[in-house]
Amino acid sequence: MYENYFAERLSELREQKNVSAREMSLALGQNESYINRIENKKSFPSMQVFFYICEYLDISPKDFFDRTAADPNKLGEIYEDIKKLNTKQLENISALVKDLIKNR
């Protein structure tokens, strides 16, 4: 069960970053088929490599397992920008987000 989830989530996040499995494998210091083997459920990373994967994807380990966040990397970017807003701007953003959710 977790192997399937892990493989699918890794593939999803890697594709959002627009990077090939080979490129990511090499960037992590692994052989060129490393990520491909994980995504094909033939291998599973060590905890240390899992942290490297998260760092490479610019997400936290929590974000990796949080499927409610469609694009955790983009959310992180938005969060960093939002922290720079004043109270009135935050209220406007909050109202906009609530309206977008309501009108899905």
N, C-alpha and C. Protein backbone atom coordinates (compact mmCIF):
# COMPACT_ATOMS: atom_id res chain seq x y z
N MET A 1 0.82 -1.19 0.00
CA MET A 1 0.00 0.00 0.00
C MET A 1 0.87 1.26 0.00
N TYR A 2 1.79 1.38 0.97
CA TYR A 2 2.62 2.57 1.06
C TYR A 2 3.59 2.67 -0.11
N GLU A 3 4.03 1.51 -0.61
CA GLU A 3 4.92 1.52 -1.76
C GLU A 3 4.22 2.15 -2.96
N ASN A 4 2.95 1.80 -3.15
CA ASN A 4 2.18 2.37 -4.26
C ASN A 4 2.02 3.88 -4.08
N TYR A 5 1.65 4.28 -2.88
CA TYR A 5 1.45 5.70 -2.62
C TYR A 5 2.75 6.45 -2.83
N PHE A 6 3.83 5.93 -2.27
CA PHE A 6 5.12 6.61 -2.36
C PHE A 6 5.53 6.77 -3.82
N ALA A 7 5.43 5.71 -4.58
CA ALA A 7 5.83 5.73 -5.99
C ALA A 7 4.98 6.74 -6.78
N GLU A 8 3.68 6.72 -6.56
CA GLU A 8 2.79 7.63 -7.29
C GLU A 8 3.04 9.09 -6.90
N ARG A 9 3.23 9.33 -5.62
CA ARG A 9 3.45 10.70 -5.15
C ARG A 9 4.79 11.23 -5.65
N LEU A 10 5.81 10.41 -5.63
CA LEU A 10 7.11 10.83 -6.13
C LEU A 10 7.01 11.20 -7.61
N SER A 11 6.35 10.38 -8.38
CA SER A 11 6.18 10.66 -9.80
C SER A 11 5.42 11.96 -10.02
N GLU A 12 4.35 12.15 -9.28
CA GLU A 12 3.53 13.35 -9.38
C GLU A 12 4.36 14.61 -9.06
N LEU A 13 5.09 14.58 -7.97
CA LEU A 13 5.86 15.75 -7.56
C LEU A 13 7.04 16.00 -8.50
N ARG A 14 7.65 14.94 -8.98
CA ARG A 14 8.76 15.08 -9.92
C ARG A 14 8.26 15.72 -11.23
N GLU A 15 7.12 15.28 -11.69
CA GLU A 15 6.55 15.85 -12.92
C GLU A 15 6.16 17.31 -12.73
N GLN A 16 5.67 17.68 -11.56
CA GLN A 16 5.35 19.08 -11.28
C GLN A 16 6.60 19.94 -11.35
N LYS A 17 7.72 19.37 -10.96
CA LYS A 17 8.99 20.09 -11.02
C LYS A 17 9.55 20.09 -12.44
N ASN A 18 8.93 19.30 -13.31
CA ASN A 18 9.31 19.22 -14.72
C ASN A 18 10.75 18.72 -14.89
N VAL A 19 11.05 17.62 -14.21
CA VAL A 19 12.37 17.03 -14.27
C VAL A 19 12.25 15.54 -14.56
N SER A 20 13.17 15.01 -15.32
CA SER A 20 13.13 13.58 -15.65
C SER A 20 13.60 12.75 -14.46
N ALA A 21 13.21 11.49 -14.46
CA ALA A 21 13.64 10.58 -13.39
C ALA A 21 15.16 10.43 -13.44
N ARG A 22 15.74 10.38 -14.61
CA ARG A 22 17.19 10.26 -14.76
C ARG A 22 17.88 11.49 -14.18
N GLU A 23 17.40 12.66 -14.56
CA GLU A 23 18.00 13.91 -14.07
C GLU A 23 17.93 14.00 -12.55
N MET A 24 16.80 13.63 -12.00
CA MET A 24 16.64 13.69 -10.55
C MET A 24 17.57 12.68 -9.88
N SER A 25 17.65 11.48 -10.42
CA SER A 25 18.53 10.44 -9.86
C SER A 25 19.95 10.95 -9.78
N LEU A 26 20.45 11.50 -10.86
CA LEU A 26 21.83 11.97 -10.90
C LEU A 26 22.04 13.16 -9.96
N ALA A 27 21.05 14.05 -9.87
CA ALA A 27 21.15 15.20 -8.97
C ALA A 27 21.23 14.75 -7.51
N LEU A 28 20.62 13.61 -7.20
CA LEU A 28 20.65 13.07 -5.84
C LEU A 28 21.92 12.26 -5.58
N GLY A 29 22.77 12.14 -6.59
CA GLY A 29 24.00 11.38 -6.43
C GLY A 29 23.80 9.88 -6.54
N GLN A 30 22.73 9.48 -7.19
CA GLN A 30 22.41 8.06 -7.36
C GLN A 30 22.67 7.65 -8.81
N ASN A 31 22.55 6.36 -9.09
CA ASN A 31 22.69 5.94 -10.48
C ASN A 31 21.49 6.42 -11.28
N GLU A 32 21.61 6.45 -12.58
CA GLU A 32 20.61 7.10 -13.43
C GLU A 32 19.22 6.48 -13.40
N SER A 33 19.09 5.25 -12.94
CA SER A 33 17.77 4.61 -12.91
C SER A 33 17.16 4.56 -11.51
N TYR A 34 17.78 5.22 -10.54
CA TYR A 34 17.33 5.12 -9.15
C TYR A 34 15.87 5.55 -8.96
N ILE A 35 15.52 6.75 -9.40
CA ILE A 35 14.15 7.25 -9.23
C ILE A 35 13.17 6.40 -10.03
N ASN A 36 13.57 5.98 -11.21
CA ASN A 36 12.72 5.12 -12.03
C ASN A 36 12.39 3.82 -11.30
N ARG A 37 13.37 3.25 -10.61
CA ARG A 37 13.13 2.01 -9.86
C ARG A 37 12.15 2.25 -8.71
N ILE A 38 12.25 3.40 -8.06
CA ILE A 38 11.29 3.71 -6.98
C ILE A 38 9.89 3.88 -7.56
N GLU A 39 9.79 4.63 -8.65
CA GLU A 39 8.47 4.88 -9.25
C GLU A 39 7.85 3.61 -9.83
N ASN A 40 8.68 2.64 -10.17
CA ASN A 40 8.17 1.35 -10.67
C ASN A 40 8.05 0.31 -9.56
N LYS A 41 8.15 0.78 -8.32
CA LYS A 41 7.94 -0.05 -7.12
C LYS A 41 8.92 -1.21 -7.01
N LYS A 42 10.12 -1.02 -7.53
CA LYS A 42 11.15 -2.05 -7.44
C LYS A 42 12.15 -1.74 -6.34
N SER A 43 12.07 -0.54 -5.79
CA SER A 43 13.00 -0.10 -4.76
C SER A 43 12.29 0.88 -3.85
N PHE A 44 12.90 1.13 -2.71
CA PHE A 44 12.35 2.06 -1.75
C PHE A 44 13.53 2.83 -1.16
N PRO A 45 13.47 4.15 -1.05
CA PRO A 45 14.63 4.90 -0.56
C PRO A 45 14.84 4.73 0.94
N SER A 46 16.08 4.92 1.35
CA SER A 46 16.36 4.99 2.78
C SER A 46 15.77 6.29 3.31
N MET A 47 15.70 6.42 4.60
CA MET A 47 15.18 7.64 5.21
C MET A 47 16.06 8.83 4.82
N GLN A 48 17.36 8.65 4.81
CA GLN A 48 18.27 9.73 4.44
C GLN A 48 18.03 10.19 3.01
N VAL A 49 17.87 9.25 2.09
CA VAL A 49 17.61 9.62 0.69
C VAL A 49 16.22 10.24 0.56
N PHE A 50 15.26 9.78 1.35
CA PHE A 50 13.94 10.40 1.33
C PHE A 50 14.05 11.90 1.66
N PHE A 51 14.86 12.23 2.66
CA PHE A 51 15.05 13.65 3.01
C PHE A 51 15.72 14.40 1.87
N TYR A 52 16.67 13.76 1.19
CA TYR A 52 17.30 14.39 0.02
C TYR A 52 16.27 14.62 -1.09
N ILE A 53 15.39 13.65 -1.27
CA ILE A 53 14.34 13.78 -2.29
C ILE A 53 13.46 14.99 -1.96
N CYS A 54 13.03 15.11 -0.72
CA CYS A 54 12.20 16.24 -0.32
C CYS A 54 12.94 17.56 -0.53
N GLU A 55 14.20 17.59 -0.16
CA GLU A 55 15.00 18.80 -0.34
C GLU A 55 15.10 19.15 -1.83
N TYR A 56 15.33 18.15 -2.65
CA TYR A 56 15.41 18.36 -4.10
C TYR A 56 14.09 18.91 -4.65
N LEU A 57 12.99 18.41 -4.14
CA LEU A 57 11.67 18.85 -4.60
C LEU A 57 11.22 20.16 -3.94
N ASP A 58 12.02 20.68 -3.02
CA ASP A 58 11.72 21.91 -2.28
C ASP A 58 10.42 21.80 -1.48
N ILE A 59 10.25 20.66 -0.84
CA ILE A 59 9.07 20.43 0.00
C ILE A 59 9.51 19.81 1.31
N SER A 60 8.63 19.83 2.29
CA SER A 60 8.91 19.16 3.57
C SER A 60 8.46 17.70 3.46
N PRO A 61 8.98 16.84 4.33
CA PRO A 61 8.48 15.46 4.36
C PRO A 61 6.96 15.41 4.59
N LYS A 62 6.45 16.33 5.41
CA LYS A 62 5.00 16.40 5.63
C LYS A 62 4.27 16.66 4.31
N ASP A 63 4.79 17.60 3.52
CA ASP A 63 4.18 17.92 2.23
C ASP A 63 4.19 16.72 1.29
N PHE A 64 5.22 15.90 1.38
CA PHE A 64 5.30 14.73 0.51
C PHE A 64 4.09 13.83 0.72
N PHE A 65 3.69 13.66 1.98
CA PHE A 65 2.60 12.74 2.29
C PHE A 65 1.23 13.41 2.34
N ASP A 66 1.17 14.70 2.14
CA ASP A 66 -0.10 15.43 2.20
C ASP A 66 -0.70 15.55 0.81
N ARG A 67 -1.59 14.64 0.48
CA ARG A 67 -2.22 14.65 -0.84
C ARG A 67 -3.25 15.76 -1.00
N THR A 68 -3.63 16.42 0.10
CA THR A 68 -4.60 17.50 -0.02
C THR A 68 -3.99 18.72 -0.68
N ALA A 69 -2.67 18.79 -0.69
CA ALA A 69 -1.97 19.90 -1.35
C ALA A 69 -1.57 19.43 -2.75
N ALA A 70 -2.28 19.92 -3.74
CA ALA A 70 -2.02 19.48 -5.10
C ALA A 70 -0.60 19.81 -5.55
N ASP A 71 -0.12 20.97 -5.19
CA ASP A 71 1.22 21.41 -5.59
C ASP A 71 1.90 22.08 -4.40
N PRO A 72 2.51 21.27 -3.52
CA PRO A 72 3.08 21.84 -2.30
C PRO A 72 4.19 22.85 -2.56
N ASN A 73 4.92 22.68 -3.64
CA ASN A 73 5.98 23.63 -3.96
C ASN A 73 5.39 25.00 -4.25
N LYS A 74 4.35 25.05 -5.05
CA LYS A 74 3.68 26.31 -5.38
C LYS A 74 3.05 26.93 -4.12
N LEU A 75 2.47 26.10 -3.28
CA LEU A 75 1.90 26.61 -2.03
C LEU A 75 2.97 27.25 -1.16
N GLY A 76 4.14 26.64 -1.13
CA GLY A 76 5.24 27.21 -0.36
C GLY A 76 5.66 28.57 -0.89
N GLU A 77 5.72 28.70 -2.21
CA GLU A 77 6.06 29.99 -2.82
C GLU A 77 5.01 31.04 -2.46
N ILE A 78 3.75 30.66 -2.57
CA ILE A 78 2.67 31.58 -2.25
C ILE A 78 2.73 31.99 -0.78
N TYR A 79 2.97 31.02 0.09
CA TYR A 79 3.04 31.31 1.51
C TYR A 79 4.14 32.32 1.82
N GLU A 80 5.29 32.16 1.20
CA GLU A 80 6.40 33.11 1.42
C GLU A 80 6.00 34.52 0.98
N ASP A 81 5.29 34.61 -0.13
CA ASP A 81 4.83 35.93 -0.60
C ASP A 81 3.77 36.51 0.33
N ILE A 82 2.85 35.68 0.77
CA ILE A 82 1.75 36.14 1.62
C ILE A 82 2.26 36.69 2.95
N LYS A 83 3.34 36.13 3.45
CA LYS A 83 3.89 36.60 4.73
C LYS A 83 4.32 38.07 4.65
N LYS A 84 4.48 38.60 3.46
CA LYS A 84 4.93 39.98 3.28
C LYS A 84 3.77 40.98 3.23
N LEU A 85 2.54 40.48 3.26
CA LEU A 85 1.37 41.35 3.12
C LEU A 85 0.94 41.94 4.46
N ASN A 86 0.24 43.09 4.38
CA ASN A 86 -0.30 43.68 5.61
C ASN A 86 -1.68 43.06 5.90
N THR A 87 -2.27 43.45 7.00
CA THR A 87 -3.53 42.86 7.45
C THR A 87 -4.65 43.03 6.43
N LYS A 88 -4.80 44.21 5.89
CA LYS A 88 -5.86 44.46 4.90
C LYS A 88 -5.66 43.60 3.66
N GLN A 89 -4.44 43.49 3.20
CA GLN A 89 -4.15 42.66 2.03
C GLN A 89 -4.45 41.18 2.32
N LEU A 90 -4.13 40.75 3.54
CA LEU A 90 -4.43 39.37 3.92
C LEU A 90 -5.93 39.12 3.94
N GLU A 91 -6.70 40.08 4.41
CA GLU A 91 -8.16 39.95 4.41
C GLU A 91 -8.67 39.82 2.98
N ASN A 92 -8.11 40.61 2.06
CA ASN A 92 -8.52 40.53 0.65
C ASN A 92 -8.18 39.17 0.05
N ILE A 93 -7.00 38.68 0.34
CA ILE A 93 -6.59 37.37 -0.17
C ILE A 93 -7.50 36.29 0.41
N SER A 94 -7.80 36.37 1.69
CA SER A 94 -8.68 35.39 2.33
C SER A 94 -10.05 35.38 1.66
N ALA A 95 -10.61 36.55 1.41
CA ALA A 95 -11.92 36.64 0.76
C ALA A 95 -11.86 36.05 -0.65
N LEU A 96 -10.80 36.33 -1.37
CA LEU A 96 -10.64 35.80 -2.73
C LEU A 96 -10.56 34.28 -2.72
N VAL A 97 -9.77 33.73 -1.81
CA VAL A 97 -9.63 32.28 -1.73
C VAL A 97 -10.96 31.63 -1.38
N LYS A 98 -11.67 32.19 -0.43
CA LYS A 98 -12.98 31.64 -0.05
C LYS A 98 -13.95 31.68 -1.22
N ASP A 99 -13.91 32.76 -2.00
CA ASP A 99 -14.76 32.87 -3.17
C ASP A 99 -14.39 31.83 -4.24
N LEU A 100 -13.09 31.63 -4.44
CA LEU A 100 -12.65 30.63 -5.42
C LEU A 100 -13.08 29.23 -5.02
N ILE A 101 -12.97 28.92 -3.74
CA ILE A 101 -13.36 27.59 -3.25
C ILE A 101 -14.86 27.41 -3.39
N LYS A 102 -15.62 28.44 -3.06
CA LYS A 102 -17.08 28.37 -3.13
C LYS A 102 -17.56 28.16 -4.57
N ASN A 103 -16.85 28.72 -5.53
CA ASN A 103 -17.27 28.67 -6.93
C ASN A 103 -16.57 27.61 -7.75
N ARG A 104 -16.06 26.58 -7.11
CA ARG A 104 -15.39 25.50 -7.86
C ARG A 104 -16.35 24.71 -8.65
